[in-house]
Protein backbone atom coordinates (compact mmCIF):
# COMPACT_ATOMS: atom_id res chain seq x y z
CA MET A 1 -96.79 161.49 -104.86
CA ARG A 2 -95.86 157.58 -103.95
CA LEU A 3 -95.48 154.80 -106.71
CA ALA A 4 -98.99 153.66 -106.22
CA GLU A 5 -100.18 157.00 -106.96
CA LEU A 6 -97.93 157.73 -109.99
CA SER A 7 -99.35 154.50 -111.16
CA GLU A 8 -102.75 155.20 -110.69
CA GLN A 9 -102.47 158.42 -112.31
CA SER A 10 -100.68 157.39 -115.44
CA GLY A 11 -102.47 154.09 -115.99
CA VAL A 12 -98.85 152.31 -116.02
CA SER A 13 -98.31 149.11 -113.43
CA THR A 14 -96.06 149.98 -110.81
CA ALA A 15 -93.99 146.97 -112.24
CA THR A 16 -93.56 148.80 -115.45
CA ILE A 17 -92.69 151.93 -113.86
CA LYS A 18 -90.14 150.10 -111.85
CA TYR A 19 -88.87 148.54 -115.01
CA TYR A 20 -88.67 151.86 -116.81
CA LEU A 21 -86.57 153.64 -113.56
CA ARG A 22 -84.24 150.87 -113.87
CA GLU A 23 -83.73 151.24 -117.45
CA GLY A 24 -83.21 155.18 -117.06
CA LEU A 25 -85.91 156.10 -118.85
CA LEU A 26 -87.56 158.06 -116.08
CA PRO A 27 -85.62 159.78 -113.04
CA PRO A 28 -85.33 158.31 -109.86
CA GLY A 29 -88.01 159.83 -107.55
CA ARG A 30 -87.02 162.13 -104.17
CA GLN A 31 -85.92 159.20 -101.54
CA ILE A 32 -88.05 159.54 -98.39
CA ASN A 33 -86.58 156.70 -96.55
CA ALA A 34 -84.79 153.37 -97.61
CA THR A 35 -87.81 151.99 -99.15
CA THR A 36 -90.04 154.76 -100.27
CA ALA A 37 -89.50 157.74 -103.00
CA GLU A 38 -91.40 160.71 -103.94
CA TYR A 39 -92.67 161.42 -107.26
CA ASP A 40 -94.24 164.60 -108.86
CA GLU A 41 -95.83 166.02 -111.99
CA ASP A 42 -92.90 166.10 -113.87
CA HIS A 43 -92.21 162.21 -113.61
CA LEU A 44 -95.83 162.08 -114.31
CA ARG A 45 -95.37 164.04 -117.71
CA ARG A 46 -92.28 162.02 -118.75
CA LEU A 47 -93.94 158.49 -117.97
CA ARG A 48 -96.82 159.44 -120.27
CA LEU A 49 -94.34 160.54 -122.55
CA VAL A 50 -92.26 157.22 -122.51
CA ARG A 51 -95.60 155.16 -122.74
CA ALA A 52 -96.42 156.99 -125.46
CA MET A 53 -93.25 156.40 -127.23
CA ILE A 54 -93.23 152.88 -127.13
CA GLN A 55 -96.77 151.78 -127.16
CA VAL A 56 -98.05 153.91 -129.94
CA GLY A 57 -94.57 154.97 -131.85
CA ARG A 58 -93.51 151.55 -131.09
CA VAL A 59 -90.00 153.03 -130.08
CA PRO A 60 -87.59 150.44 -128.93
CA VAL A 61 -86.49 151.08 -125.19
CA ALA A 62 -83.00 151.42 -125.88
CA LYS A 63 -84.03 154.29 -128.87
CA VAL A 64 -86.34 155.86 -126.07
CA ARG A 65 -83.46 156.10 -123.89
CA GLU A 66 -81.30 157.42 -126.37
CA VAL A 67 -83.60 160.30 -127.27
CA LEU A 68 -84.29 161.24 -123.63
CA GLY A 69 -80.95 161.43 -122.97
CA HIS A 70 -80.61 164.42 -125.68
CA VAL A 71 -83.86 165.44 -124.00
CA ASP A 72 -82.26 166.19 -120.96
CA ASP A 73 -78.88 167.45 -122.03
CA ASP A 74 -78.99 171.06 -120.98
CA SER A 75 -75.52 171.58 -122.31
CA LEU A 76 -76.84 171.76 -126.05
CA PRO A 77 -78.24 174.71 -127.64
CA ARG A 78 -81.94 174.40 -128.42
CA THR A 79 -81.36 173.45 -132.44
CA ILE A 80 -78.99 170.95 -131.62
CA ARG A 81 -80.58 169.38 -128.59
CA LEU A 82 -83.95 168.79 -130.26
CA GLY A 83 -81.99 167.76 -133.80
CA ALA A 84 -80.16 165.16 -131.91
CA ALA A 85 -83.11 164.04 -130.41
CA LEU A 86 -84.92 163.84 -133.55
CA TRP A 87 -82.37 162.10 -135.39
CA ALA A 88 -82.10 159.20 -132.80
CA LEU A 89 -85.67 157.96 -133.45
CA PRO A 90 -85.69 154.79 -135.54
CA GLN A 91 -84.66 155.80 -139.25
CA VAL A 92 -85.01 153.87 -142.24
CA PRO A 93 -81.68 152.00 -143.53
CA GLU A 94 -78.98 154.12 -145.11
CA PRO A 95 -79.70 154.13 -148.97
CA ASP A 96 -77.27 152.15 -151.39
CA ALA A 97 -75.10 154.65 -152.68
CA GLU A 98 -74.32 152.60 -156.04
CA ASP A 99 -77.94 152.31 -156.85
CA GLU A 100 -78.61 154.19 -159.82
CA TYR A 101 -81.79 154.90 -158.66
CA VAL A 102 -80.67 156.30 -155.26
CA GLN A 103 -78.15 158.60 -157.50
CA ALA A 104 -81.05 160.15 -159.28
CA ALA A 105 -82.97 160.50 -156.20
CA HIS A 106 -80.16 162.42 -154.94
CA ARG A 107 -80.32 164.63 -158.00
CA GLU A 108 -83.82 165.37 -157.37
CA VAL A 109 -83.79 166.18 -153.97
CA GLY A 110 -80.68 168.43 -154.35
CA ALA A 111 -82.84 170.30 -157.21
CA LEU A 112 -85.35 170.48 -154.71
CA LEU A 113 -83.76 171.59 -151.99
CA GLU A 114 -82.37 174.45 -154.30
CA GLN A 115 -85.42 175.48 -155.65
CA LEU A 116 -86.98 175.67 -151.78
CA GLY A 117 -83.67 177.56 -150.69
CA TRP A 118 -83.60 175.76 -147.81
CA THR A 119 -80.06 176.29 -147.05
CA ASN A 120 -79.70 174.23 -143.68
CA ALA A 121 -80.91 170.79 -145.50
CA LYS A 122 -78.84 171.43 -148.37
CA GLN A 123 -75.82 171.51 -145.80
CA LEU A 124 -76.49 168.59 -144.07
CA THR A 125 -77.85 165.91 -146.97
CA THR A 126 -77.09 162.67 -146.32
CA LEU A 127 -76.16 163.56 -142.32
CA SER A 128 -80.01 163.83 -141.94
CA PRO A 129 -82.28 160.82 -141.56
CA ALA A 130 -85.06 162.82 -142.92
CA TYR A 131 -82.64 163.25 -145.76
CA ARG A 132 -82.09 159.89 -146.31
CA SER A 133 -85.88 158.56 -145.99
CA LEU A 134 -86.86 161.55 -148.90
CA VAL A 135 -83.94 159.72 -151.19
CA VAL A 136 -85.25 156.45 -150.33
CA ALA A 137 -88.95 157.16 -151.22
CA VAL A 138 -88.07 159.16 -154.34
CA ALA A 139 -85.57 156.28 -155.44
CA ALA A 140 -88.67 153.72 -154.93
CA PHE A 141 -90.88 155.73 -157.10
CA ARG A 142 -88.21 155.96 -159.74
CA ARG A 143 -87.59 152.10 -159.49
CA ILE A 144 -91.45 151.41 -160.30
CA GLY A 145 -91.37 153.96 -163.22
CA TYR A 146 -92.76 157.23 -161.86
CA THR A 147 -91.09 160.14 -161.76
CA PHE A 148 -91.59 161.98 -158.60
CA GLY A 149 -88.89 164.64 -158.99
CA ALA A 150 -88.04 168.07 -157.36
CA GLU A 151 -90.98 170.17 -159.99
CA LEU A 152 -93.79 167.58 -158.31
CA LEU A 153 -92.39 167.82 -154.78
CA VAL A 154 -92.06 171.73 -154.42
CA PRO A 155 -95.51 172.02 -153.71
CA TYR A 156 -95.89 169.37 -151.04
CA ALA A 157 -92.46 170.56 -149.35
CA GLU A 158 -94.14 173.92 -148.84
CA LEU A 159 -97.27 172.46 -147.46
CA MET A 160 -94.75 170.72 -144.98
CA TYR A 161 -93.01 173.80 -144.08
CA ARG A 162 -96.15 175.46 -143.25
CA THR A 163 -97.04 172.50 -140.99
CA ALA A 164 -93.31 172.48 -139.23
CA VAL A 165 -93.88 176.31 -138.42
CA LEU A 166 -97.35 175.28 -136.77
CA ASP A 167 -95.16 172.79 -134.98
CA LEU A 168 -93.01 175.19 -133.42
CA ASP A 169 -95.66 177.63 -132.75
CA ASN A 170 -97.36 174.98 -130.61
CA MET A 171 -93.94 174.06 -129.10
CA GLU A 172 -92.72 177.40 -127.95
CA ALA A 173 -95.97 177.98 -125.96
CA TYR A 174 -94.61 175.40 -123.22
CA PRO A 175 -92.90 177.20 -120.72
CA SER A 176 -89.96 175.20 -120.17
CA GLN A 177 -87.15 174.19 -122.52
CA ALA A 178 -87.67 170.45 -121.37
CA GLU A 179 -91.32 170.55 -122.25
CA ARG A 180 -91.04 171.91 -125.55
CA VAL A 181 -88.45 169.52 -126.68
CA GLU A 182 -90.40 166.76 -125.41
CA PHE A 183 -93.49 168.01 -127.08
CA ALA A 184 -91.14 167.99 -130.30
CA ILE A 185 -90.49 164.31 -129.73
CA LEU A 186 -94.06 163.39 -129.05
CA GLY A 187 -94.92 165.11 -132.08
CA ALA A 188 -92.49 163.31 -134.13
CA VAL A 189 -93.94 159.98 -132.65
CA LEU A 190 -97.81 160.78 -132.62
CA ASN A 191 -98.27 163.86 -135.25
CA GLU A 192 -96.75 162.00 -138.20
CA PRO A 193 -99.32 159.26 -138.06
CA VAL A 194 -102.11 162.33 -137.40
CA LEU A 195 -100.84 163.89 -140.64
CA GLN A 196 -100.73 160.50 -142.39
CA ALA A 197 -104.40 159.84 -141.39
CA LEU A 198 -105.65 163.30 -142.34
CA HIS A 199 -103.60 163.10 -145.88
CA ARG A 200 -105.62 159.73 -146.37
CA LEU A 201 -108.93 161.09 -145.34
CA ALA A 202 -108.54 164.01 -147.81
CA GLN A 203 -107.80 161.55 -150.63
CA GLU A 204 -110.74 159.83 -149.72
CA GLU A 205 -112.87 162.99 -149.59
CA GLU A 206 -111.30 164.52 -153.07
CA THR A 207 -111.98 161.29 -154.72
CA ALA A 208 -115.89 161.14 -153.82
CA ARG A 209 -116.23 164.28 -154.89
CA ARG A 210 -114.39 164.12 -157.87
CA TYR A 211 -115.28 160.84 -159.03
CA GLY A 212 -118.37 160.16 -157.41
CA PHE A 213 -119.39 156.54 -156.69
CA GLU A 214 -120.42 155.43 -159.99
């Protein structure tokens, strides 16, 4: 397809597509002549991914470029490739290692990983943005006066593990490695808001069933 057709099928303006091409978010099309290039379904899929990351996920363009660089790196094994792409997404600030609440949160999260038997997470600890995010959240609970410790976190973690299994099962349904990694990135950007919305809907439902509207 030509640029105008790519724009029509994707709903993205030609000016925006040209910007994505200049920024390296979209691979160049096949050059037909000096002024015309041809694009295919891979370009359309990538364009939709980029649009979702920027518009829905609010991921900055520079971060999108970094994430997609890992997605396209065929030299990396699957686990490293996927992990690098996910780690490149925007993350919470580094927690203050001197903060007493952060230190206590590290102990709680360490105890949680020990109980769950999550050996990979135990090895990565602070290298993982997800680990750091969890520490920051647990520390915030403690700072306010609530102890959201390992015992309370275990059932939540087990539910999330089942969700991760579903994520990877769905990812593996796609035939190519690129599609699988792209699906995982899209899941990180879009699936987390879906899970958050479902969580809140479930809380509303259970609150109404348990306490009624009196």
